[in-house]
Full PDB file with SEQRES, HELIX, SHEET, SSBOND, CRYST1, ORIGX, SCALE, CONECT and MASTER records, all heavy atoms in Angstrom:
SEQRES   1 A   34  MET ALA ARG VAL ASP PHE GLY GLY ILE ARG ARG GLU ALA          
SEQRES   2 A   34  CYS LEU GLU TYR THR PRO GLU ALA ALA VAL GLY ASP HIS          
SEQRES   3 A   34  VAL VAL VAL HIS VAL GLY PHE ALA                              
SHEET    1 AA1 2 ALA A   2  PHE A   6  0                                        
SHEET    2 AA1 2 ILE A   9  ALA A  13 -1                                        
CRYST1    1.000    1.000    1.000  90.00  90.00  90.00 P 1           1          
ORIGX1      1.000000  0.000000  0.000000        0.00000                         
ORIGX2      0.000000  1.000000  0.000000        0.00000                         
ORIGX3      0.000000  0.000000  1.000000        0.00000                         
SCALE1      1.000000  0.000000  0.000000        0.00000                         
SCALE2      0.000000  1.000000  0.000000        0.00000                         
SCALE3      0.000000  0.000000  1.000000        0.00000                         
ATOM      1  N   MET A   1     -38.023  14.415-115.622  1.00  0.00           N  
ATOM      2  CA  MET A   1     -37.830  15.612-114.808  1.00  0.00           C  
ATOM      3  C   MET A   1     -36.539  16.310-115.216  1.00  0.00           C  
ATOM      4  O   MET A   1     -35.712  15.750-115.924  1.00  0.00           O  
ATOM      5  CB  MET A   1     -37.752  15.239-113.323  1.00  0.00           C  
ATOM      6  CG  MET A   1     -38.973  14.487-112.799  1.00  0.00           C  
ATOM      7  SD  MET A   1     -40.474  15.464-112.813  1.00  0.00           S  
ATOM      8  CE  MET A   1     -40.079  16.673-111.544  1.00  0.00           C  
ATOM      9  N   ALA A   2     -36.385  17.544-114.714  1.00  0.00           N  
ATOM     10  CA  ALA A   2     -35.165  18.312-114.978  1.00  0.00           C  
ATOM     11  C   ALA A   2     -34.853  19.226-113.804  1.00  0.00           C  
ATOM     12  O   ALA A   2     -35.738  19.621-113.050  1.00  0.00           O  
ATOM     13  CB  ALA A   2     -35.324  19.156-116.237  1.00  0.00           C  
ATOM     14  N   ARG A   3     -33.581  19.533-113.686  1.00  0.00           N  
ATOM     15  CA  ARG A   3     -33.157  20.629-112.818  1.00  0.00           C  
ATOM     16  C   ARG A   3     -32.980  21.814-113.762  1.00  0.00           C  
ATOM     17  O   ARG A   3     -32.256  21.712-114.765  1.00  0.00           O  
ATOM     18  CB  ARG A   3     -31.857  20.289-112.105  1.00  0.00           C  
ATOM     19  CG  ARG A   3     -31.547  21.252-110.962  1.00  0.00           C  
ATOM     20  CD  ARG A   3     -30.387  20.749-110.165  1.00  0.00           C  
ATOM     21  NE  ARG A   3     -29.190  20.856-110.994  1.00  0.00           N  
ATOM     22  CZ  ARG A   3     -28.037  21.323-110.586  1.00  0.00           C  
ATOM     23  NH1 ARG A   3     -27.872  21.670-109.347  1.00  0.00           N  
ATOM     24  NH2 ARG A   3     -27.014  21.407-111.399  1.00  0.00           N  
ATOM     25  N   VAL A   4     -33.660  22.919-113.458  1.00  0.00           N  
ATOM     26  CA  VAL A   4     -33.702  24.077-114.353  1.00  0.00           C  
ATOM     27  C   VAL A   4     -33.159  25.298-113.628  1.00  0.00           C  
ATOM     28  O   VAL A   4     -33.474  25.538-112.460  1.00  0.00           O  
ATOM     29  CB  VAL A   4     -35.164  24.336-114.823  1.00  0.00           C  
ATOM     30  CG1 VAL A   4     -35.225  25.534-115.750  1.00  0.00           C  
ATOM     31  CG2 VAL A   4     -35.739  23.095-115.509  1.00  0.00           C  
ATOM     32  N   ASP A   5     -32.331  26.073-114.337  1.00  0.00           N  
ATOM     33  CA  ASP A   5     -31.755  27.302-113.790  1.00  0.00           C  
ATOM     34  C   ASP A   5     -32.532  28.498-114.320  1.00  0.00           C  
ATOM     35  O   ASP A   5     -32.632  28.706-115.533  1.00  0.00           O  
ATOM     36  CB  ASP A   5     -30.287  27.425-114.201  1.00  0.00           C  
ATOM     37  CG  ASP A   5     -29.675  28.720-113.708  1.00  0.00           C  
ATOM     38  OD1 ASP A   5     -29.715  28.977-112.496  1.00  0.00           O  
ATOM     39  OD2 ASP A   5     -29.157  29.483-114.553  1.00  0.00           O  
ATOM     40  N   PHE A   6     -33.109  29.277-113.404  1.00  0.00           N  
ATOM     41  CA  PHE A   6     -33.876  30.478-113.744  1.00  0.00           C  
ATOM     42  C   PHE A   6     -33.029  31.709-113.441  1.00  0.00           C  
ATOM     43  O   PHE A   6     -33.318  32.451-112.515  1.00  0.00           O  
ATOM     44  CB  PHE A   6     -35.180  30.534-112.946  1.00  0.00           C  
ATOM     45  CG  PHE A   6     -36.089  29.372-113.197  1.00  0.00           C  
ATOM     46  CD1 PHE A   6     -36.071  28.278-112.356  1.00  0.00           C  
ATOM     47  CD2 PHE A   6     -36.947  29.375-114.273  1.00  0.00           C  
ATOM     48  CE1 PHE A   6     -36.899  27.196-112.584  1.00  0.00           C  
ATOM     49  CE2 PHE A   6     -37.791  28.301-114.513  1.00  0.00           C  
ATOM     50  CZ  PHE A   6     -37.760  27.203-113.665  1.00  0.00           C  
ATOM     51  N   GLY A   7     -31.954  31.895-114.153  1.00  0.00           N  
ATOM     52  CA  GLY A   7     -31.113  33.066-113.952  1.00  0.00           C  
ATOM     53  C   GLY A   7     -30.480  33.110-112.574  1.00  0.00           C  
ATOM     54  O   GLY A   7     -30.319  34.185-112.006  1.00  0.00           O  
ATOM     55  N   GLY A   8     -30.138  31.971-112.023  1.00  0.00           N  
ATOM     56  CA  GLY A   8     -29.477  31.909-110.714  1.00  0.00           C  
ATOM     57  C   GLY A   8     -30.273  31.156-109.664  1.00  0.00           C  
ATOM     58  O   GLY A   8     -29.725  30.750-108.656  1.00  0.00           O  
ATOM     59  N   ILE A   9     -31.544  30.946-109.882  1.00  0.00           N  
ATOM     60  CA  ILE A   9     -32.378  30.143-108.978  1.00  0.00           C  
ATOM     61  C   ILE A   9     -32.611  28.811-109.668  1.00  0.00           C  
ATOM     62  O   ILE A   9     -32.987  28.774-110.843  1.00  0.00           O  
ATOM     63  CB  ILE A   9     -33.726  30.837-108.690  1.00  0.00           C  
ATOM     64  CG1 ILE A   9     -33.493  32.157-107.972  1.00  0.00           C  
ATOM     65  CG2 ILE A   9     -34.633  29.927-107.878  1.00  0.00           C  
ATOM     66  CD1 ILE A   9     -34.746  32.998-107.829  1.00  0.00           C  
ATOM     67  N   ARG A  10     -32.376  27.741-108.950  1.00  0.00           N  
ATOM     68  CA  ARG A  10     -32.539  26.412-109.544  1.00  0.00           C  
ATOM     69  C   ARG A  10     -33.696  25.681-108.890  1.00  0.00           C  
ATOM     70  O   ARG A  10     -33.825  25.669-107.667  1.00  0.00           O  
ATOM     71  CB  ARG A  10     -31.249  25.624-109.390  1.00  0.00           C  
ATOM     72  CG  ARG A  10     -30.164  26.288-110.216  1.00  0.00           C  
ATOM     73  CD  ARG A  10     -28.867  25.622-110.132  1.00  0.00           C  
ATOM     74  NE  ARG A  10     -27.953  26.320-111.054  1.00  0.00           N  
ATOM     75  CZ  ARG A  10     -26.691  26.040-111.152  1.00  0.00           C  
ATOM     76  NH1 ARG A  10     -26.162  25.093-110.414  1.00  0.00           N  
ATOM     77  NH2 ARG A  10     -25.944  26.705-111.998  1.00  0.00           N  
ATOM     78  N   ARG A  11     -34.529  25.089-109.748  1.00  0.00           N  
ATOM     79  CA  ARG A  11     -35.711  24.366-109.286  1.00  0.00           C  
ATOM     80  C   ARG A  11     -35.904  23.115-110.135  1.00  0.00           C  
ATOM     81  O   ARG A  11     -35.409  23.013-111.248  1.00  0.00           O  
ATOM     82  CB  ARG A  11     -36.972  25.229-109.421  1.00  0.00           C  
ATOM     83  CG  ARG A  11     -36.997  26.467-108.566  1.00  0.00           C  
ATOM     84  CD  ARG A  11     -37.332  26.110-107.119  1.00  0.00           C  
ATOM     85  NE  ARG A  11     -37.520  27.287-106.306  1.00  0.00           N  
ATOM     86  CZ  ARG A  11     -36.587  27.882-105.590  1.00  0.00           C  
ATOM     87  NH1 ARG A  11     -35.370  27.426-105.606  1.00  0.00           N  
ATOM     88  NH2 ARG A  11     -36.876  28.944-104.856  1.00  0.00           N  
ATOM     89  N   GLU A  12     -36.687  22.199-109.607  1.00  0.00           N  
ATOM     90  CA  GLU A  12     -37.063  20.994-110.326  1.00  0.00           C  
ATOM     91  C   GLU A  12     -38.294  21.296-111.178  1.00  0.00           C  
ATOM     92  O   GLU A  12     -39.174  22.058-110.766  1.00  0.00           O  
ATOM     93  CB  GLU A  12     -37.390  19.914-109.293  1.00  0.00           C  
ATOM     94  CG  GLU A  12     -37.756  18.586-109.872  1.00  0.00           C  
ATOM     95  CD  GLU A  12     -38.021  17.580-108.777  1.00  0.00           C  
ATOM     96  OE1 GLU A  12     -39.072  17.694-108.103  1.00  0.00           O  
ATOM     97  OE2 GLU A  12     -37.193  16.685-108.626  1.00  0.00           O  
ATOM     98  N   ALA A  13     -38.357  20.697-112.368  1.00  0.00           N  
ATOM     99  CA  ALA A  13     -39.518  20.869-113.242  1.00  0.00           C  
ATOM    100  C   ALA A  13     -39.789  19.554-113.967  1.00  0.00           C  
ATOM    101  O   ALA A  13     -38.872  18.798-114.280  1.00  0.00           O  
ATOM    102  CB  ALA A  13     -39.281  21.978-114.256  1.00  0.00           C  
ATOM    103  N   CYS A  14     -41.041  19.322-114.249  1.00  0.00           N  
ATOM    104  CA  CYS A  14     -41.460  18.144-115.002  1.00  0.00           C  
ATOM    105  C   CYS A  14     -41.370  18.462-116.496  1.00  0.00           C  
ATOM    106  O   CYS A  14     -41.836  19.511-116.945  1.00  0.00           O  
ATOM    107  CB  CYS A  14     -42.890  17.774-114.619  1.00  0.00           C  
ATOM    108  SG  CYS A  14     -43.504  16.322-115.507  1.00  0.00           S  
ATOM    109  N   LEU A  15     -40.792  17.538-117.270  1.00  0.00           N  
ATOM    110  CA  LEU A  15     -40.624  17.729-118.705  1.00  0.00           C  
ATOM    111  C   LEU A  15     -41.618  16.902-119.534  1.00  0.00           C  
ATOM    112  O   LEU A  15     -41.472  16.799-120.750  1.00  0.00           O  
ATOM    113  CB  LEU A  15     -39.202  17.355-119.136  1.00  0.00           C  
ATOM    114  CG  LEU A  15     -38.069  18.201-118.587  1.00  0.00           C  
ATOM    115  CD1 LEU A  15     -36.731  17.672-119.092  1.00  0.00           C  
ATOM    116  CD2 LEU A  15     -38.237  19.659-118.941  1.00  0.00           C  
ATOM    117  N   GLU A  16     -42.612  16.337-118.914  1.00  0.00           N  
ATOM    118  CA  GLU A  16     -43.553  15.476-119.632  1.00  0.00           C  
ATOM    119  C   GLU A  16     -44.258  16.196-120.778  1.00  0.00           C  
ATOM    120  O   GLU A  16     -44.600  15.582-121.780  1.00  0.00           O  
ATOM    121  CB  GLU A  16     -44.582  14.886-118.673  1.00  0.00           C  
ATOM    122  CG  GLU A  16     -44.020  13.806-117.780  1.00  0.00           C  
ATOM    123  CD  GLU A  16     -43.558  12.563-118.544  1.00  0.00           C  
ATOM    124  OE1 GLU A  16     -44.314  12.051-119.394  1.00  0.00           O  
ATOM    125  OE2 GLU A  16     -42.434  12.113-118.289  1.00  0.00           O  
ATOM    126  N   TYR A  17     -44.500  17.503-120.666  1.00  0.00           N  
ATOM    127  CA  TYR A  17     -45.173  18.251-121.727  1.00  0.00           C  
ATOM    128  C   TYR A  17     -44.204  18.762-122.784  1.00  0.00           C  
ATOM    129  O   TYR A  17     -44.635  19.318-123.802  1.00  0.00           O  
ATOM    130  CB  TYR A  17     -45.952  19.437-121.162  1.00  0.00           C  
ATOM    131  CG  TYR A  17     -47.061  19.052-120.215  1.00  0.00           C  
ATOM    132  CD1 TYR A  17     -47.270  19.763-119.048  1.00  0.00           C  
ATOM    133  CD2 TYR A  17     -47.910  17.981-120.479  1.00  0.00           C  
ATOM    134  CE1 TYR A  17     -48.290  19.419-118.168  1.00  0.00           C  
ATOM    135  CE2 TYR A  17     -48.924  17.628-119.607  1.00  0.00           C  
ATOM    136  CZ  TYR A  17     -49.118  18.349-118.456  1.00  0.00           C  
ATOM    137  OH  TYR A  17     -50.120  18.009-117.602  1.00  0.00           O  
ATOM    138  N   THR A  18     -42.922  18.618-122.549  1.00  0.00           N  
ATOM    139  CA  THR A  18     -41.899  19.066-123.503  1.00  0.00           C  
ATOM    140  C   THR A  18     -40.891  17.936-123.726  1.00  0.00           C  
ATOM    141  O   THR A  18     -39.729  18.045-123.333  1.00  0.00           O  
ATOM    142  CB  THR A  18     -41.180  20.334-122.991  1.00  0.00           C  
ATOM    143  OG1 THR A  18     -40.681  20.057-121.673  1.00  0.00           O  
ATOM    144  CG2 THR A  18     -42.095  21.538-122.962  1.00  0.00           C  
ATOM    145  N   PRO A  19     -41.313  16.857-124.358  1.00  0.00           N  
ATOM    146  CA  PRO A  19     -40.426  15.704-124.521  1.00  0.00           C  
ATOM    147  C   PRO A  19     -39.173  16.007-125.344  1.00  0.00           C  
ATOM    148  O   PRO A  19     -38.171  15.303-125.225  1.00  0.00           O  
ATOM    149  CB  PRO A  19     -41.307  14.663-125.218  1.00  0.00           C  
ATOM    150  CG  PRO A  19     -42.405  15.437-125.846  1.00  0.00           C  
ATOM    151  CD  PRO A  19     -42.618  16.652-124.980  1.00  0.00           C  
ATOM    152  N   GLU A  20     -39.207  17.076-126.141  1.00  0.00           N  
ATOM    153  CA  GLU A  20     -38.058  17.439-126.965  1.00  0.00           C  
ATOM    154  C   GLU A  20     -36.980  18.183-126.177  1.00  0.00           C  
ATOM    155  O   GLU A  20     -35.850  18.338-126.652  1.00  0.00           O  
ATOM    156  CB  GLU A  20     -38.510  18.306-128.154  1.00  0.00           C  
ATOM    157  CG  GLU A  20     -38.926  19.732-127.792  1.00  0.00           C  
ATOM    158  CD  GLU A  20     -40.325  19.891-127.198  1.00  0.00           C  
ATOM    159  OE1 GLU A  20     -41.003  18.901-126.877  1.00  0.00           O  
ATOM    160  OE2 GLU A  20     -40.734  21.051-127.035  1.00  0.00           O  
ATOM    161  N   ALA A  21     -37.279  18.653-124.980  1.00  0.00           N  
ATOM    162  CA  ALA A  21     -36.324  19.446-124.198  1.00  0.00           C  
ATOM    163  C   ALA A  21     -35.137  18.584-123.765  1.00  0.00           C  
ATOM    164  O   ALA A  21     -35.299  17.453-123.306  1.00  0.00           O  
ATOM    165  CB  ALA A  21     -37.008  20.046-122.978  1.00  0.00           C  
ATOM    166  N   ALA A  22     -33.954  19.156-123.927  1.00  0.00           N  
ATOM    167  CA  ALA A  22     -32.714  18.463-123.566  1.00  0.00           C  
ATOM    168  C   ALA A  22     -31.829  19.400-122.751  1.00  0.00           C  
ATOM    169  O   ALA A  22     -32.093  20.604-122.666  1.00  0.00           O  
ATOM    170  CB  ALA A  22     -31.980  18.028-124.844  1.00  0.00           C  
ATOM    171  N   VAL A  23     -30.786  18.850-122.171  1.00  0.00           N  
ATOM    172  CA  VAL A  23     -29.829  19.648-121.419  1.00  0.00           C  
ATOM    173  C   VAL A  23     -29.321  20.780-122.303  1.00  0.00           C  
ATOM    174  O   VAL A  23     -28.974  20.568-123.467  1.00  0.00           O  
ATOM    175  CB  VAL A  23     -28.655  18.773-120.915  1.00  0.00           C  
ATOM    176  CG1 VAL A  23     -27.556  19.635-120.303  1.00  0.00           C  
ATOM    177  CG2 VAL A  23     -29.168  17.749-119.905  1.00  0.00           C  
ATOM    178  N   GLY A  24     -29.337  22.006-121.767  1.00  0.00           N  
ATOM    179  CA  GLY A  24     -28.896  23.189-122.493  1.00  0.00           C  
ATOM    180  C   GLY A  24     -30.032  23.952-123.151  1.00  0.00           C  
ATOM    181  O   GLY A  24     -29.871  25.114-123.496  1.00  0.00           O  
ATOM    182  N   ASP A  25     -31.181  23.299-123.333  1.00  0.00           N  
ATOM    183  CA  ASP A  25     -32.337  23.981-123.916  1.00  0.00           C  
ATOM    184  C   ASP A  25     -32.978  24.897-122.886  1.00  0.00           C  
ATOM    185  O   ASP A  25     -32.798  24.722-121.675  1.00  0.00           O  
ATOM    186  CB  ASP A  25     -33.395  22.969-124.376  1.00  0.00           C  
ATOM    187  CG  ASP A  25     -33.002  22.210-125.620  1.00  0.00           C  
ATOM    188  OD1 ASP A  25     -32.051  22.638-126.315  1.00  0.00           O  
ATOM    189  OD2 ASP A  25     -33.642  21.186-125.898  1.00  0.00           O  
ATOM    190  N   HIS A  26     -33.751  25.850-123.385  1.00  0.00           N  
ATOM    191  CA  HIS A  26     -34.505  26.755-122.518  1.00  0.00           C  
ATOM    192  C   HIS A  26     -35.976  26.373-122.595  1.00  0.00           C  
ATOM    193  O   HIS A  26     -36.498  26.131-123.691  1.00  0.00           O  
ATOM    194  CB  HIS A  26     -34.295  28.210-122.948  1.00  0.00           C  
ATOM    195  CG  HIS A  26     -32.936  28.702-122.618  1.00  0.00           C  
ATOM    196  ND1 HIS A  26     -31.837  28.392-123.383  1.00  0.00           N  
ATOM    197  CD2 HIS A  26     -32.496  29.453-121.596  1.00  0.00           C  
ATOM    198  CE1 HIS A  26     -30.766  28.948-122.833  1.00  0.00           C  
ATOM    199  NE2 HIS A  26     -31.139  29.600-121.750  1.00  0.00           N  
ATOM    200  N   VAL A  27     -36.612  26.292-121.443  1.00  0.00           N  
ATOM    201  CA  VAL A  27     -38.028  25.946-121.356  1.00  0.00           C  
ATOM    202  C   VAL A  27     -38.753  27.001-120.540  1.00  0.00           C  
ATOM    203  O   VAL A  27     -38.153  27.666-119.698  1.00  0.00           O  
ATOM    204  CB  VAL A  27     -38.239  24.551-120.708  1.00  0.00           C  
ATOM    205  CG1 VAL A  27     -37.696  23.444-121.599  1.00  0.00           C  
ATOM    206  CG2 VAL A  27     -37.614  24.467-119.316  1.00  0.00           C  
ATOM    207  N   VAL A  28     -40.041  27.161-120.798  1.00  0.00           N  
ATOM    208  CA  VAL A  28     -40.878  28.023-119.978  1.00  0.00           C  
ATOM    209  C   VAL A  28     -41.579  27.117-118.981  1.00  0.00           C  
ATOM    210  O   VAL A  28     -42.240  26.145-119.371  1.00  0.00           O  
ATOM    211  CB  VAL A  28     -41.902  28.800-120.831  1.00  0.00           C  
ATOM    212  CG1 VAL A  28     -42.855  29.585-119.940  1.00  0.00           C  
ATOM    213  CG2 VAL A  28     -41.181  29.735-121.795  1.00  0.00           C  
ATOM    214  N   VAL A  29     -41.418  27.420-117.685  1.00  0.00           N  
ATOM    215  CA  VAL A  29     -41.972  26.589-116.619  1.00  0.00           C  
ATOM    216  C   VAL A  29     -43.116  27.330-115.942  1.00  0.00           C  
ATOM    217  O   VAL A  29     -42.988  28.494-115.565  1.00  0.00           O  
ATOM    218  CB  VAL A  29     -40.878  26.215-115.587  1.00  0.00           C  
ATOM    219  CG1 VAL A  29     -41.461  25.409-114.440  1.00  0.00           C  
ATOM    220  CG2 VAL A  29     -39.757  25.446-116.275  1.00  0.00           C  
ATOM    221  N   HIS A  30     -44.236  26.629-115.816  1.00  0.00           N  
ATOM    222  CA  HIS A  30     -45.426  27.158-115.142  1.00  0.00           C  
ATOM    223  C   HIS A  30     -45.859  26.126-114.112  1.00  0.00           C  
ATOM    224  O   HIS A  30     -46.074  24.964-114.453  1.00  0.00           O  
ATOM    225  CB  HIS A  30     -46.527  27.412-116.164  1.00  0.00           C  
ATOM    226  CG  HIS A  30     -47.819  27.847-115.563  1.00  0.00           C  
ATOM    227  ND1 HIS A  30     -47.977  29.065-114.931  1.00  0.00           N  
ATOM    228  CD2 HIS A  30     -49.010  27.229-115.477  1.00  0.00           C  
ATOM    229  CE1 HIS A  30     -49.226  29.166-114.497  1.00  0.00           C  
ATOM    230  NE2 HIS A  30     -49.862  28.055-114.817  1.00  0.00           N  
ATOM    231  N   VAL A  31     -45.956  26.525-112.875  1.00  0.00           N  
ATOM    232  CA  VAL A  31     -46.312  25.674-111.726  1.00  0.00           C  
ATOM    233  C   VAL A  31     -45.618  24.315-111.759  1.00  0.00           C  
ATOM    234  O   VAL A  31     -46.228  23.280-111.514  1.00  0.00           O  
ATOM    235  CB  VAL A  31     -47.846  25.528-111.543  1.00  0.00           C  
ATOM    236  CG1 VAL A  31     -48.472  26.833-111.148  1.00  0.00           C  
ATOM    237  CG2 VAL A  31     -48.528  24.932-112.753  1.00  0.00           C  
ATOM    238  N   GLY A  32     -44.319  24.338-112.036  1.00  0.00           N  
ATOM    239  CA  GLY A  32     -43.516  23.124-111.964  1.00  0.00           C  
ATOM    240  C   GLY A  32     -43.479  22.278-113.220  1.00  0.00           C  
ATOM    241  O   GLY A  32     -42.822  21.245-113.242  1.00  0.00           O  
ATOM    242  N   PHE A  33     -44.175  22.700-114.279  1.00  0.00           N  
ATOM    243  CA  PHE A  33     -44.193  21.959-115.533  1.00  0.00           C  
ATOM    244  C   PHE A  33     -43.603  22.815-116.649  1.00  0.00           C  
ATOM    245  O   PHE A  33     -44.034  23.955-116.852  1.00  0.00           O  
ATOM    246  CB  PHE A  33     -45.625  21.580-115.929  1.00  0.00           C  
ATOM    247  CG  PHE A  33     -46.225  20.534-115.045  1.00  0.00           C  
ATOM    248  CD1 PHE A  33     -46.863  20.890-113.866  1.00  0.00           C  
ATOM    249  CD2 PHE A  33     -46.142  19.190-115.389  1.00  0.00           C  
ATOM    250  CE1 PHE A  33     -47.413  19.930-113.037  1.00  0.00           C  
ATOM    251  CE2 PHE A  33     -46.688  18.221-114.563  1.00  0.00           C  
ATOM    252  CZ  PHE A  33     -47.327  18.581-113.385  1.00  0.00           C  
ATOM    253  N   ALA A  34     -42.652  22.256-117.398  1.00  0.00           N  
ATOM    254  CA  ALA A  34     -42.158  22.922-118.598  1.00  0.00           C  
ATOM    255  C   ALA A  34     -43.264  22.811-119.639  1.00  0.00           C  
ATOM    256  O   ALA A  34     -43.703  21.708-119.968  1.00  0.00           O  
ATOM    257  CB  ALA A  34     -40.879  22.257-119.086  1.00  0.00           C  
TER     258      ALA A  34                                                      
MASTER        0    0    0    0    2    0    0    6  257    1    0    3          
END                                                                             
């Protein structure tokens, strides 16, 4: 999982579909999944 910042709004997202994502990376989140 990750805490993700959407330009000032922060939400939790699952990173299971983006195993390469790391802190500082940008991900596209759809219905709670990166």
